[in-house]
Amino acid sequence: MSDDGQHGLTLIAFVGSVFSPYYAWARRHGGADPANHCAFNVALYGKRANRWTMTERGSAQLRTETSQLSIGPSDMRWSGDALEISVNEVCAPLPRRVRGTIRLLPSALCEKSYFLDPAGRHQWTPFAPRARIEVALSQPALSWSGDGYFDSNRGIEPLENAFSDWTWSRASASRRTVVLYDVNTRGAAAGSAEPRSLALRFSENGECESIELPPAAALPRTGWRVARQTRADAGHAVRVIKTLEDAPFYSRTLLDTQLLGLRGPAIHESLDLNRFRAGWVQCLLPFRMPRRVSRASR
């Protein structure tokens, strides 16, 4: 989010695009190569420039090196202490371009990983719990700086095989960052698996400690009726400032909340993988996620 609160950005680089209908279809037909299902997802939020891109590309358009990842015309690379990202993507279904650079400067790096499921098949690493971000885009013409964050998820099976739903949130205030993760694994509703929760506090130098789980706090459902809930200090209400992303199986929300005695904004996401599995949702996804591959990578 920008320092003035008027702009936001989310960027996700996928190798094995977990929400890709093409990847799901390929798996159902006898296996699939994750390198053949890659994408740079860019979401811009603001009064003048709401844009969303997620073009899937094949293995011929994927290039990986120790400090650089390139997918089609976009890439991210480490340069000194900064993560530099060059974006050149086109929105769908309305073809508007997103082009420019983003620099992420972590205040510290964290290399500790956490398993999200009992079997240890899904791993989350909060590489930079707190960072500064500098955005300089030519299309749309937009420049701002603000508070940033960088993490990674990886797994060895489809998300929907392991989880029914999860919520995640991140709040930063007074040089501290709090990340909350609540995960329901498959079978949790029937009592064969326990819900898993993380509540972590990060200092400015990247040191991490577990904290007691704050009480659950209800949130209103989205326009698509996706359930949302979070956690906050006891006795303190949480307010939805803005729903940034409202999709049939996913929401991204800007909240006003209180954690560890500090009031401030938080980014929140809610993911419903039961809904994602539904056939009608899979049929909708190609309209927002086109696939562009060269002949060699089909």
Protein backbone atom coordinates (compact mmCIF):
# COMPACT_ATOMS: atom_id res chain seq x y z
CA MET A 1 0.00 0.00 0.00
CA SER A 2 1.13 3.55 -0.74
CA ASP A 3 2.01 5.83 2.17
CA ASP A 4 -1.07 7.98 1.49
CA GLY A 5 -3.34 4.91 1.39
CA GLN A 6 -4.63 5.76 -2.10
CA HIS A 7 -2.88 2.99 -4.08
CA GLY A 8 -2.16 -0.70 -3.72
CA LEU A 9 -0.29 -3.40 -5.61
CA THR A 10 -0.11 -7.19 -5.44
CA LEU A 11 2.28 -9.13 -7.66
CA ILE A 12 2.55 -12.94 -7.71
CA ALA A 13 4.92 -14.96 -9.87
CA PHE A 14 3.57 -18.48 -10.40
CA VAL A 15 5.58 -21.51 -11.51
CA GLY A 16 2.80 -24.06 -11.57
CA SER A 17 -0.11 -21.64 -11.47
CA VAL A 18 -2.22 -23.02 -8.62
CA PHE A 19 -5.43 -21.31 -9.78
CA SER A 20 -4.99 -22.13 -13.47
CA PRO A 21 -7.88 -24.02 -15.10
CA TYR A 22 -5.45 -25.20 -17.81
CA TYR A 23 -3.12 -26.70 -15.18
CA ALA A 24 -6.10 -28.38 -13.49
CA TRP A 25 -7.29 -29.82 -16.81
CA ALA A 26 -3.77 -31.07 -17.63
CA ARG A 27 -3.52 -32.83 -14.25
CA ARG A 28 -6.83 -34.57 -14.80
CA HIS A 29 -5.51 -35.96 -18.08
CA GLY A 30 -2.53 -37.81 -16.63
CA GLY A 31 -0.12 -35.33 -15.10
CA ALA A 32 1.30 -31.93 -15.95
CA ASP A 33 4.61 -30.06 -15.87
CA PRO A 34 4.36 -27.01 -13.55
CA ALA A 35 6.94 -25.19 -15.70
CA ASN A 36 4.41 -25.30 -18.54
CA HIS A 37 1.88 -23.31 -16.48
CA CYS A 38 3.51 -20.02 -15.37
CA ALA A 39 2.15 -16.52 -14.91
CA PHE A 40 2.86 -13.02 -13.62
CA ASN A 41 -0.25 -11.86 -11.80
CA VAL A 42 -0.36 -8.07 -11.29
CA ALA A 43 -3.22 -6.32 -9.47
CA LEU A 44 -3.30 -2.52 -9.20
CA TYR A 45 -5.74 -0.73 -6.92
CA GLY A 46 -6.54 2.97 -6.82
CA LYS A 47 -9.01 5.61 -7.91
CA ARG A 48 -7.30 6.15 -11.27
CA ALA A 49 -5.79 2.77 -12.07
CA ASN A 50 -7.54 -0.49 -11.21
CA ARG A 51 -5.92 -3.15 -13.41
CA TRP A 52 -5.52 -6.92 -13.21
CA THR A 53 -3.38 -9.23 -15.36
CA MET A 54 -2.71 -12.97 -15.29
CA THR A 55 -1.60 -14.38 -18.63
CA GLU A 56 -0.46 -17.99 -18.44
CA ARG A 57 2.66 -18.96 -20.42
CA GLY A 58 4.42 -22.20 -21.29
CA SER A 59 7.80 -23.63 -20.40
CA ALA A 60 9.52 -22.07 -23.45
CA GLN A 61 8.79 -18.66 -21.88
CA LEU A 62 10.18 -19.53 -18.45
CA ARG A 63 13.77 -18.69 -17.55
CA THR A 64 15.24 -19.35 -14.11
CA GLU A 65 18.63 -18.43 -12.65
CA THR A 66 19.99 -18.24 -9.12
CA SER A 67 18.91 -14.63 -8.63
CA GLN A 68 16.41 -14.09 -11.45
CA LEU A 69 13.02 -15.41 -12.60
CA SER A 70 11.60 -14.48 -16.02
CA ILE A 71 8.14 -15.39 -17.31
CA GLY A 72 7.42 -14.08 -20.79
CA PRO A 73 8.12 -10.34 -20.98
CA SER A 74 8.24 -9.82 -17.18
CA ASP A 75 10.94 -10.71 -14.68
CA MET A 76 12.16 -10.29 -11.10
CA ARG A 77 15.78 -10.27 -9.97
CA TRP A 78 17.86 -9.52 -6.88
CA SER A 79 20.11 -6.50 -7.35
CA GLY A 80 22.15 -5.84 -4.24
CA ASP A 81 19.69 -5.60 -1.36
CA ALA A 82 16.67 -4.89 -3.57
CA LEU A 83 14.23 -7.12 -5.43
CA GLU A 84 13.72 -5.43 -8.81
CA ILE A 85 10.68 -6.35 -10.89
CA SER A 86 10.05 -5.40 -14.52
CA VAL A 87 6.44 -5.83 -15.59
CA ASN A 88 5.06 -5.84 -19.14
CA GLU A 89 1.63 -7.49 -19.07
CA VAL A 90 -1.81 -7.07 -20.65
CA CYS A 91 -5.12 -7.19 -18.79
CA ALA A 92 -8.02 -9.45 -19.68
CA PRO A 93 -10.74 -9.38 -20.83
CA LEU A 94 -10.23 -5.66 -21.58
CA PRO A 95 -6.72 -5.36 -23.14
CA ARG A 96 -5.03 -2.60 -21.13
CA ARG A 97 -1.29 -2.74 -20.56
CA VAL A 98 0.62 -2.68 -17.28
CA ARG A 99 4.25 -1.70 -17.85
CA GLY A 100 6.94 -0.41 -15.51
CA THR A 101 9.22 -1.28 -12.61
CA ILE A 102 8.80 -2.09 -8.94
CA ARG A 103 11.60 -2.15 -6.34
CA LEU A 104 11.20 -3.91 -3.00
CA LEU A 105 13.74 -3.08 -0.28
CA PRO A 106 13.41 -5.42 2.73
CA SER A 107 14.22 -4.02 6.16
CA ALA A 108 15.47 -7.56 6.92
CA LEU A 109 15.17 -11.06 5.50
CA CYS A 110 13.63 -14.08 7.21
CA GLU A 111 14.49 -17.56 5.96
CA LYS A 112 12.39 -19.60 8.39
CA SER A 113 9.66 -21.68 6.73
CA TYR A 114 6.41 -23.04 8.13
CA PHE A 115 4.42 -26.10 7.10
CA LEU A 116 0.74 -25.34 6.57
CA ASP A 117 -0.48 -28.95 6.59
CA PRO A 118 0.17 -31.92 8.90
CA ALA A 119 1.88 -33.93 6.15
CA GLY A 120 4.41 -31.16 5.42
CA ARG A 121 3.49 -30.99 1.73
CA HIS A 122 2.82 -27.22 1.69
CA GLN A 123 5.33 -24.64 2.89
CA TRP A 124 5.16 -20.91 3.49
CA THR A 125 8.20 -18.63 3.88
CA PRO A 126 7.80 -14.94 4.87
CA PHE A 127 11.06 -13.77 3.27
CA ALA A 128 10.54 -10.06 3.93
CA PRO A 129 7.82 -9.48 6.55
CA ARG A 130 8.39 -5.75 6.21
CA ALA A 131 9.86 -3.71 3.36
CA ARG A 132 9.66 -0.48 1.44
CA ILE A 133 8.26 -0.55 -2.07
CA GLU A 134 8.85 1.89 -4.95
CA VAL A 135 6.46 1.77 -7.92
CA ALA A 136 7.25 3.51 -11.23
CA LEU A 137 4.83 2.62 -14.04
CA SER A 138 4.56 4.13 -17.51
CA GLN A 139 1.28 2.32 -18.28
CA PRO A 140 -0.71 3.50 -16.45
CA ALA A 141 1.34 6.58 -15.57
CA LEU A 142 1.75 6.04 -11.85
CA SER A 143 4.49 6.49 -9.25
CA TRP A 144 4.33 5.97 -5.52
CA SER A 145 6.14 4.44 -2.56
CA GLY A 146 4.91 2.75 0.54
CA ASP A 147 4.85 -0.29 2.82
CA GLY A 148 5.61 -3.70 1.28
CA TYR A 149 5.93 -7.40 1.99
CA PHE A 150 7.39 -10.47 0.21
CA ASP A 151 6.66 -14.15 0.83
CA SER A 152 6.55 -17.52 -0.93
CA ASN A 153 4.26 -20.53 -0.98
CA ARG A 154 5.23 -23.86 -2.46
CA GLY A 155 3.77 -27.33 -2.43
CA ILE A 156 3.98 -30.78 -4.00
CA GLU A 157 0.25 -31.27 -4.61
CA PRO A 158 -2.67 -29.04 -5.68
CA LEU A 159 -3.86 -26.65 -2.97
CA GLU A 160 -7.43 -27.91 -3.24
CA ASN A 161 -6.29 -31.47 -2.42
CA ALA A 162 -4.94 -30.40 0.97
CA PHE A 163 -7.14 -27.51 2.08
CA SER A 164 -10.80 -26.57 2.09
CA ASP A 165 -10.17 -22.90 2.91
CA TRP A 166 -7.81 -20.46 4.59
CA THR A 167 -7.53 -16.86 5.71
CA TRP A 168 -4.35 -14.83 5.96
CA SER A 169 -3.62 -11.28 7.07
CA ARG A 170 -0.70 -8.95 7.66
CA ALA A 171 -0.61 -5.76 9.74
CA SER A 172 2.31 -3.41 10.38
CA ALA A 173 2.53 -0.71 13.02
CA SER A 174 5.22 0.85 15.19
CA ARG A 175 8.08 -1.18 13.62
CA ARG A 176 6.27 -4.46 14.24
CA THR A 177 4.55 -6.76 11.78
CA VAL A 178 1.95 -9.36 12.67
CA VAL A 179 0.99 -12.17 10.28
CA LEU A 180 -2.00 -14.41 10.93
CA TYR A 181 -2.74 -17.67 9.09
CA ASP A 182 -5.82 -19.85 9.72
CA VAL A 183 -5.98 -23.00 7.60
CA ASN A 184 -8.63 -25.71 7.38
CA THR A 185 -7.18 -28.90 5.97
CA ARG A 186 -9.27 -31.48 4.15
CA GLY A 187 -11.25 -33.49 6.66
CA ALA A 188 -11.17 -30.81 9.37
CA ALA A 189 -14.93 -30.28 9.19
CA ALA A 190 -15.48 -34.03 9.66
CA GLY A 191 -13.09 -34.22 12.59
CA SER A 192 -10.34 -36.21 10.87
CA ALA A 193 -7.93 -33.25 10.77
CA GLU A 194 -7.41 -30.23 12.98
CA PRO A 195 -7.52 -26.62 11.81
CA ARG A 196 -4.04 -25.08 11.86
CA SER A 197 -3.29 -21.52 12.89
CA LEU A 198 -0.22 -19.30 13.01
CA ALA A 199 0.16 -15.98 14.79
CA LEU A 200 3.61 -14.46 14.29
CA ARG A 201 5.18 -11.16 15.28
CA PHE A 202 8.22 -9.88 13.35
CA SER A 203 10.58 -7.17 14.52
CA GLU A 204 12.13 -4.66 12.15
CA ASN A 205 15.34 -6.75 11.94
CA GLY A 206 13.40 -9.88 10.87
CA GLU A 207 13.34 -11.72 14.19
CA CYS A 208 10.19 -13.78 14.59
CA GLU A 209 8.24 -15.01 17.60
CA SER A 210 4.95 -16.86 17.99
CA ILE A 211 2.26 -15.01 19.90
CA GLU A 212 -0.95 -16.15 21.50
CA LEU A 213 -3.76 -16.44 18.95
CA PRO A 214 -5.98 -13.35 19.15
CA PRO A 215 -9.72 -14.03 19.35
CA ALA A 216 -11.64 -14.63 16.11
CA ALA A 217 -13.43 -11.61 14.64
CA ALA A 218 -16.28 -11.90 12.15
CA LEU A 219 -16.31 -10.06 8.83
CA PRO A 220 -19.17 -9.70 6.33
CA ARG A 221 -19.26 -12.04 3.34
CA THR A 222 -18.15 -10.70 -0.03
CA GLY A 223 -20.38 -9.93 -2.99
CA TRP A 224 -19.72 -13.48 -4.21
CA ARG A 225 -20.70 -14.76 -0.73
CA VAL A 226 -17.18 -15.90 0.13
CA ALA A 227 -16.85 -16.19 3.91
CA ARG A 228 -14.35 -13.92 5.66
CA GLN A 229 -13.09 -13.83 9.21
CA THR A 230 -9.95 -12.58 10.95
CA ARG A 231 -8.48 -12.17 14.44
CA ALA A 232 -8.12 -9.05 16.57
CA ASP A 233 -7.60 -7.91 20.14
CA ALA A 234 -10.50 -8.87 22.40
CA GLY A 235 -13.27 -6.28 22.52
CA HIS A 236 -12.15 -4.43 19.40
CA ALA A 237 -14.24 -4.42 16.24
CA VAL A 238 -12.68 -4.91 12.81
CA ARG A 239 -13.91 -2.75 9.94
CA VAL A 240 -13.71 -3.44 6.20
CA ILE A 241 -12.16 -0.34 4.62
CA LYS A 242 -12.36 -1.69 1.08
CA THR A 243 -12.76 -5.02 -0.67
CA LEU A 244 -9.91 -4.89 -3.17
CA GLU A 245 -10.59 -8.23 -4.89
CA ASP A 246 -13.95 -9.98 -5.00
CA ALA A 247 -13.79 -13.23 -6.97
CA PRO A 248 -16.01 -16.35 -6.86
CA PHE A 249 -13.49 -18.20 -4.64
CA TYR A 250 -11.14 -15.50 -3.32
CA SER A 251 -11.18 -12.09 -1.67
CA ARG A 252 -8.51 -9.53 -0.84
CA THR A 253 -9.54 -6.88 1.67
CA LEU A 254 -8.13 -3.79 3.35
CA LEU A 255 -9.11 -3.80 7.04
CA ASP A 256 -9.00 -1.42 9.95
CA THR A 257 -8.09 -3.59 12.94
CA GLN A 258 -6.33 -3.70 16.30
CA LEU A 259 -3.59 -6.22 17.16
CA LEU A 260 -1.27 -6.22 20.19
CA GLY A 261 -2.78 -2.92 21.31
CA LEU A 262 -2.00 -1.13 18.05
CA ARG A 263 -4.73 0.17 15.73
CA GLY A 264 -4.04 0.29 12.00
CA PRO A 265 -4.62 -1.14 8.53
CA ALA A 266 -4.18 -4.78 7.54
CA ILE A 267 -4.27 -6.68 4.27
CA HIS A 268 -6.47 -9.77 4.45
CA GLU A 269 -7.20 -12.64 2.10
CA SER A 270 -9.81 -15.38 2.18
CA LEU A 271 -9.55 -18.44 -0.06
CA ASP A 272 -12.40 -20.95 -0.55
CA LEU A 273 -10.99 -24.01 -2.31
CA ASN A 274 -14.30 -25.88 -2.20
CA ARG A 275 -15.71 -23.08 -4.35
CA PHE A 276 -12.60 -23.13 -6.56
CA ARG A 277 -13.23 -26.81 -7.32
CA ALA A 278 -16.75 -26.12 -8.62
CA GLY A 279 -17.18 -26.69 -12.35
CA TRP A 280 -18.91 -23.36 -12.97
CA VAL A 281 -15.99 -21.49 -11.37
CA GLN A 282 -13.46 -23.39 -13.52
CA CYS A 283 -15.43 -22.38 -16.63
CA LEU A 284 -15.28 -18.69 -15.65
CA LEU A 285 -11.52 -18.54 -15.03
CA PRO A 286 -10.26 -18.47 -18.67
CA PHE A 287 -11.96 -15.09 -19.21
CA ARG A 288 -9.58 -13.53 -16.66
CA MET A 289 -6.64 -15.93 -17.19
CA PRO A 290 -5.83 -16.31 -20.90
CA ARG A 291 -3.11 -18.73 -21.99
CA ARG A 292 -0.42 -17.65 -24.46
CA VAL A 293 2.21 -20.25 -25.35
CA SER A 294 4.72 -20.81 -28.12
CA ARG A 295 4.35 -23.93 -30.26
CA ALA A 296 7.35 -25.60 -28.54
CA SER A 297 5.82 -25.45 -25.05
CA ARG A 298 2.29 -26.76 -25.71
